[in-house]
């Protein structure tokens, strides 16, 4: 299947559209695909996932600008800096831990985290509009750093952008509405992912990308097309309907990844 260009392009496009629509890197859907369909080993899949998520995050933010202007995202820079203060450090440690885990252990960690993400999506996205922030002042700042660190660790372990945790954090902790939260999560995710990627590169893990360069290129092109589509669909599909469906997909994906760890 790795040589099937149509499958790689279609997978990238579909996941890119979901990522662009919600404000995610889409890796929570791509990871089971890389492991189950394309048969990559756990750590290889995480690294490939990180690369594809970078493509989605880098292109989704400008494609979403028609609905959420970049000027509005920039005006909330204190929130982005607050979360980055923790997530950059978490991304570095998370990548280091992933490199030390055995393949079977990494599969199980990934499966559990996918289930946690599913619960966060269900419980954390109550509606389209934001409400009152959970904390204010210095308490909000401290909570933002702690949450950012945890999200950075998860992002590196799974090779994800972290938006599946960032979005509910932005809604609950900072009172952002869901559309703005999606774009802010992309702004936080990009530098966080770059730090995690830099940590992987120290262990020569980029050889995976060179060895599978054709596959990476095809899926990346599909991802860019997908994020464009997702950006155009933003605001059309109700989040109250879409997010529970995505949570169900995550539960199924977690089950598949867990089963893969037993082989």
Protein backbone atom coordinates (compact mmCIF):
# COMPACT_ATOMS: atom_id res chain seq x y z
CA UNK A 1 0.00 0.00 0.00
CA UNK A 2 2.93 2.37 0.46
CA UNK A 3 3.41 2.36 -3.31
CA UNK A 4 -0.27 3.13 -3.95
CA UNK A 5 -0.17 6.84 -4.77
CA UNK A 6 -3.95 7.17 -4.91
CA UNK A 7 -4.31 5.74 -1.39
CA UNK A 8 -1.62 8.01 0.01
CA UNK A 9 -3.08 11.11 -1.66
CA UNK A 10 -6.66 10.28 -0.66
CA UNK A 11 -5.65 9.57 2.93
CA UNK A 12 -3.75 12.84 3.16
CA UNK A 13 -6.59 14.83 1.58
CA UNK A 14 -9.32 13.38 3.80
CA UNK A 15 -7.37 13.88 7.02
CA UNK A 16 -6.16 17.30 5.90
CA UNK A 17 -9.77 18.38 5.34
CA UNK A 18 -10.75 17.29 8.84
CA UNK A 19 -7.70 19.02 10.29
CA UNK A 20 -8.31 22.23 8.39
CA UNK A 21 -11.97 22.30 9.36
CA UNK A 22 -11.48 21.84 13.11
CA UNK A 23 -8.00 23.31 13.65
CA UNK A 24 -6.04 20.09 14.16
CA UNK A 25 -2.99 18.55 12.53
CA UNK A 26 -5.16 15.53 11.81
CA UNK A 27 -2.59 13.12 13.21
CA UNK A 28 -5.01 11.32 15.49
CA UNK A 29 -6.65 9.94 12.34
CA UNK A 30 -3.48 9.57 10.30
CA UNK A 31 -1.55 7.55 12.90
CA UNK A 32 -3.79 4.45 12.80
CA UNK A 33 -3.73 4.71 8.99
CA UNK A 34 0.08 4.73 8.89
CA UNK A 35 0.31 1.80 11.30
CA UNK A 36 -2.66 -0.28 10.12
CA UNK A 37 -2.94 0.32 6.37
CA UNK A 38 0.58 1.32 5.37
CA UNK A 39 2.29 -0.97 7.92
CA UNK A 40 4.85 1.42 9.37
CA UNK A 41 6.49 0.57 12.71
CA UNK A 42 5.28 2.65 15.68
CA UNK A 43 8.21 5.10 15.88
CA UNK A 44 8.39 5.41 12.07
CA UNK A 45 4.67 6.18 12.01
CA UNK A 46 5.07 8.84 14.72
CA UNK A 47 7.83 10.60 12.75
CA UNK A 48 5.93 10.43 9.44
CA UNK A 49 2.84 11.60 11.30
CA UNK A 50 4.74 14.58 12.68
CA UNK A 51 5.89 15.56 9.18
CA UNK A 52 2.39 15.37 7.72
CA UNK A 53 0.93 17.23 10.69
CA UNK A 54 3.42 20.04 10.10
CA UNK A 55 2.18 20.34 6.52
CA UNK A 56 -1.45 20.48 7.67
CA UNK A 57 -0.83 22.99 10.47
CA UNK A 58 1.30 25.29 8.30
CA UNK A 59 -1.34 25.44 5.54
CA UNK A 60 -4.55 25.29 7.59
CA UNK A 61 -4.02 28.58 9.41
CA UNK A 62 -3.95 30.76 6.25
CA UNK A 63 -6.71 28.70 4.61
CA UNK A 64 -8.95 29.38 7.65
CA UNK A 65 -8.27 33.13 7.48
CA UNK A 66 -11.42 33.77 5.44
CA UNK A 67 -13.50 32.91 8.52
CA UNK A 68 -11.01 33.66 11.32
CA UNK A 69 -8.79 36.58 10.19
CA UNK A 70 -5.09 36.33 11.02
CA UNK A 71 -5.35 39.77 12.66
CA UNK A 72 -7.83 38.33 15.18
CA UNK A 73 -5.48 35.44 15.91
CA UNK A 74 -2.56 37.87 16.37
CA UNK A 75 -4.57 40.02 18.78
CA UNK A 76 -4.69 37.04 21.18
CA UNK A 77 -0.89 36.61 21.25
CA UNK A 78 -0.70 36.57 25.10
CA UNK A 79 -2.71 33.32 25.13
CA UNK A 80 -0.43 31.77 22.51
CA UNK A 81 2.70 32.76 24.45
CA UNK A 82 1.20 31.46 27.71
CA UNK A 83 0.58 27.99 26.29
CA UNK A 84 3.87 27.90 24.38
CA UNK A 85 5.78 28.52 27.61
CA UNK A 86 4.81 25.01 28.69
CA UNK A 87 4.27 23.18 25.40
CA UNK A 88 7.77 23.78 23.98
CA UNK A 89 9.36 22.18 27.04
CA UNK A 90 6.82 19.37 27.01
CA UNK A 91 7.46 18.66 23.33
CA UNK A 92 11.19 18.23 23.98
CA UNK A 93 10.71 15.79 26.88
CA UNK A 94 7.92 13.93 25.09
CA UNK A 95 10.09 13.21 22.06
CA UNK A 96 12.89 11.98 24.31
CA UNK A 97 10.54 9.58 26.10
CA UNK A 98 9.12 8.25 22.81
CA UNK A 99 12.60 7.38 21.58
CA UNK A 100 13.25 5.31 24.73
CA UNK A 101 10.01 3.31 24.67
CA UNK A 102 9.74 -0.15 23.14
CA UNK A 103 7.50 -0.43 20.07
CA UNK A 104 4.76 -2.42 21.88
CA UNK A 105 4.79 0.03 24.79
CA UNK A 106 4.56 2.99 22.43
CA UNK A 107 1.54 1.40 20.71
CA UNK A 108 -0.22 1.01 24.06
CA UNK A 109 0.62 4.56 25.13
CA UNK A 110 -0.73 5.84 21.82
CA UNK A 111 -3.96 3.83 22.24
CA UNK A 112 -4.58 5.14 25.76
CA UNK A 113 -3.87 8.73 24.72
CA UNK A 114 -6.28 8.40 21.78
CA UNK A 115 -9.00 7.34 24.22
CA UNK A 116 -8.19 10.31 26.48
CA UNK A 117 -8.38 12.64 23.48
CA UNK A 118 -11.80 11.17 22.56
CA UNK A 119 -13.08 11.92 26.07
CA UNK A 120 -11.69 15.46 25.91
CA UNK A 121 -13.45 16.05 22.59
CA UNK A 122 -16.76 14.83 24.02
CA UNK A 123 -16.54 16.69 27.34
CA UNK A 124 -14.60 19.76 26.24
CA UNK A 125 -16.63 20.95 23.24
CA UNK A 126 -20.03 21.81 24.59
CA UNK A 127 -20.94 24.23 21.82
CA UNK A 128 -19.77 26.75 19.26
CA UNK A 129 -19.54 29.79 21.55
CA UNK A 130 -17.02 30.44 24.25
CA UNK A 131 -17.97 31.21 27.81
CA UNK A 132 -16.38 32.58 30.95
CA UNK A 133 -12.76 31.48 31.44
CA UNK A 134 -12.11 28.86 34.12
CA UNK A 135 -9.41 31.01 35.78
CA UNK A 136 -8.27 34.62 35.58
CA UNK A 137 -5.05 36.47 36.40
CA UNK A 138 -1.98 34.59 37.62
CA UNK A 139 -3.98 31.39 38.17
CA UNK A 140 -4.89 31.33 34.49
CA UNK A 141 -1.25 31.93 33.55
CA UNK A 142 0.03 29.07 35.72
CA UNK A 143 -2.74 26.74 34.49
CA UNK A 144 -1.84 27.66 30.91
CA UNK A 145 1.82 26.71 31.39
CA UNK A 146 0.92 23.40 33.05
CA UNK A 147 -1.66 22.56 30.38
CA UNK A 148 0.80 23.55 27.66
CA UNK A 149 3.48 21.23 29.07
CA UNK A 150 1.09 18.27 29.15
CA UNK A 151 -0.09 18.99 25.62
CA UNK A 152 3.51 19.28 24.39
CA UNK A 153 4.32 15.86 25.82
CA UNK A 154 1.26 14.28 24.19
CA UNK A 155 2.05 16.00 20.88
CA UNK A 156 5.54 14.49 20.78
CA UNK A 157 4.48 11.03 21.96
CA UNK A 158 1.77 10.76 19.30
CA UNK A 159 3.43 12.85 16.62
CA UNK A 160 0.35 15.08 16.64
CA UNK A 161 -0.15 18.83 16.51
CA UNK A 162 -1.89 18.77 19.90
CA UNK A 163 -4.98 20.63 18.72
CA UNK A 164 -7.30 17.92 20.00
CA UNK A 165 -6.24 18.99 23.51
CA UNK A 166 -5.45 22.63 22.79
CA UNK A 167 -8.93 23.46 21.50
CA UNK A 168 -10.82 22.37 24.65
CA UNK A 169 -8.11 24.03 26.76
CA UNK A 170 -8.60 27.31 24.91
CA UNK A 171 -12.38 27.06 25.27
CA UNK A 172 -12.44 26.10 28.95
CA UNK A 173 -9.38 27.89 30.32
CA UNK A 174 -9.49 31.08 28.22
CA UNK A 175 -13.16 31.26 27.18
CA UNK A 176 -12.45 31.31 23.42
CA UNK A 177 -15.17 30.37 20.93
CA UNK A 178 -14.55 27.17 19.01
CA UNK A 179 -13.63 28.76 15.66
CA UNK A 180 -11.08 31.12 17.19
CA UNK A 181 -9.80 28.27 19.38
CA UNK A 182 -9.13 26.20 16.26
CA UNK A 183 -6.94 28.88 14.73
CA UNK A 184 -5.18 29.69 18.01
CA UNK A 185 -4.42 25.99 18.45
CA UNK A 186 -2.69 25.98 15.07
CA UNK A 187 -0.60 29.00 16.10
CA UNK A 188 0.52 27.16 19.25
CA UNK A 189 0.95 23.79 17.53
CA UNK A 190 3.42 24.84 14.83
CA UNK A 191 6.36 25.89 17.06
CA UNK A 192 5.58 23.06 19.51
CA UNK A 193 5.83 20.50 16.73
CA UNK A 194 9.03 22.03 15.37
CA UNK A 195 10.68 21.57 18.77
CA UNK A 196 9.59 17.93 18.95
CA UNK A 197 10.77 17.36 15.39
CA UNK A 198 14.18 18.87 16.20
CA UNK A 199 14.53 16.41 19.10
CA UNK A 200 13.79 13.44 16.83
CA UNK A 201 16.41 14.67 14.34
CA UNK A 202 19.17 14.30 16.95
CA UNK A 203 18.71 10.54 16.75
CA UNK A 204 18.91 10.38 12.95
CA UNK A 205 15.20 9.56 12.80
CA UNK A 206 14.79 11.66 9.65
CA UNK A 207 16.17 8.71 7.70
CA UNK A 208 12.55 7.45 7.76
CA UNK A 209 11.48 10.47 5.71
CA UNK A 210 14.28 10.04 3.18
CA UNK A 211 13.60 6.31 2.82
CA UNK A 212 9.92 6.99 2.14
CA UNK A 213 10.31 10.30 0.30
CA UNK A 214 7.86 9.44 -2.51
CA UNK A 215 5.17 8.40 -0.05
CA UNK A 216 5.76 11.56 2.02
CA UNK A 217 5.47 13.81 -1.05
CA UNK A 218 2.22 12.24 -2.27
CA UNK A 219 0.55 12.36 1.14
CA UNK A 220 1.78 15.93 1.70
CA UNK A 221 0.22 17.09 -1.59
CA UNK A 222 -3.04 15.40 -0.62
CA UNK A 223 -2.88 17.07 2.81
CA UNK A 224 -2.53 20.55 1.28
CA UNK A 225 -5.53 19.99 -0.97
CA UNK A 226 -7.43 18.72 2.08
CA UNK A 227 -6.63 21.70 4.30
CA UNK A 228 -7.85 24.03 1.53
CA UNK A 229 -11.14 22.14 1.41
CA UNK A 230 -11.41 22.14 5.21
CA UNK A 231 -10.78 25.87 5.34
CA UNK A 232 -13.62 26.48 2.88
CA UNK A 233 -15.96 24.24 4.90
CA UNK A 234 -15.26 26.06 8.18
CA UNK A 235 -18.54 27.28 9.61
CA UNK A 236 -20.67 25.10 7.30
CA UNK A 237 -20.63 21.85 9.30
CA UNK A 238 -21.95 22.29 12.87
CA UNK A 239 -19.32 21.43 15.48
CA UNK A 240 -21.98 19.98 17.75
CA UNK A 241 -22.58 17.25 15.16
CA UNK A 242 -19.04 16.75 13.89
CA UNK A 243 -17.07 16.50 17.12
CA UNK A 244 -18.92 13.53 18.66
CA UNK A 245 -18.44 11.68 15.38
CA UNK A 246 -14.70 12.38 15.51
CA UNK A 247 -14.59 11.09 19.09
CA UNK A 248 -16.13 7.80 17.96
CA UNK A 249 -13.48 7.50 15.24
CA UNK A 250 -10.78 8.04 17.86
CA UNK A 251 -12.15 5.24 20.04
CA UNK A 252 -12.13 2.84 17.08
CA UNK A 253 -8.61 3.96 16.14
CA UNK A 254 -7.38 3.43 19.70
CA UNK A 255 -8.76 -0.12 19.67
CA UNK A 256 -6.96 -0.89 16.39
CA UNK A 257 -3.64 0.54 17.57
CA UNK A 258 -3.87 -1.42 20.84
CA UNK A 259 -4.52 -4.65 18.96
CA UNK A 260 -1.52 -3.93 16.75
CA UNK A 261 0.71 -3.82 19.84
CA UNK A 262 -0.15 -7.45 20.54
CA UNK A 263 1.32 -8.72 17.25
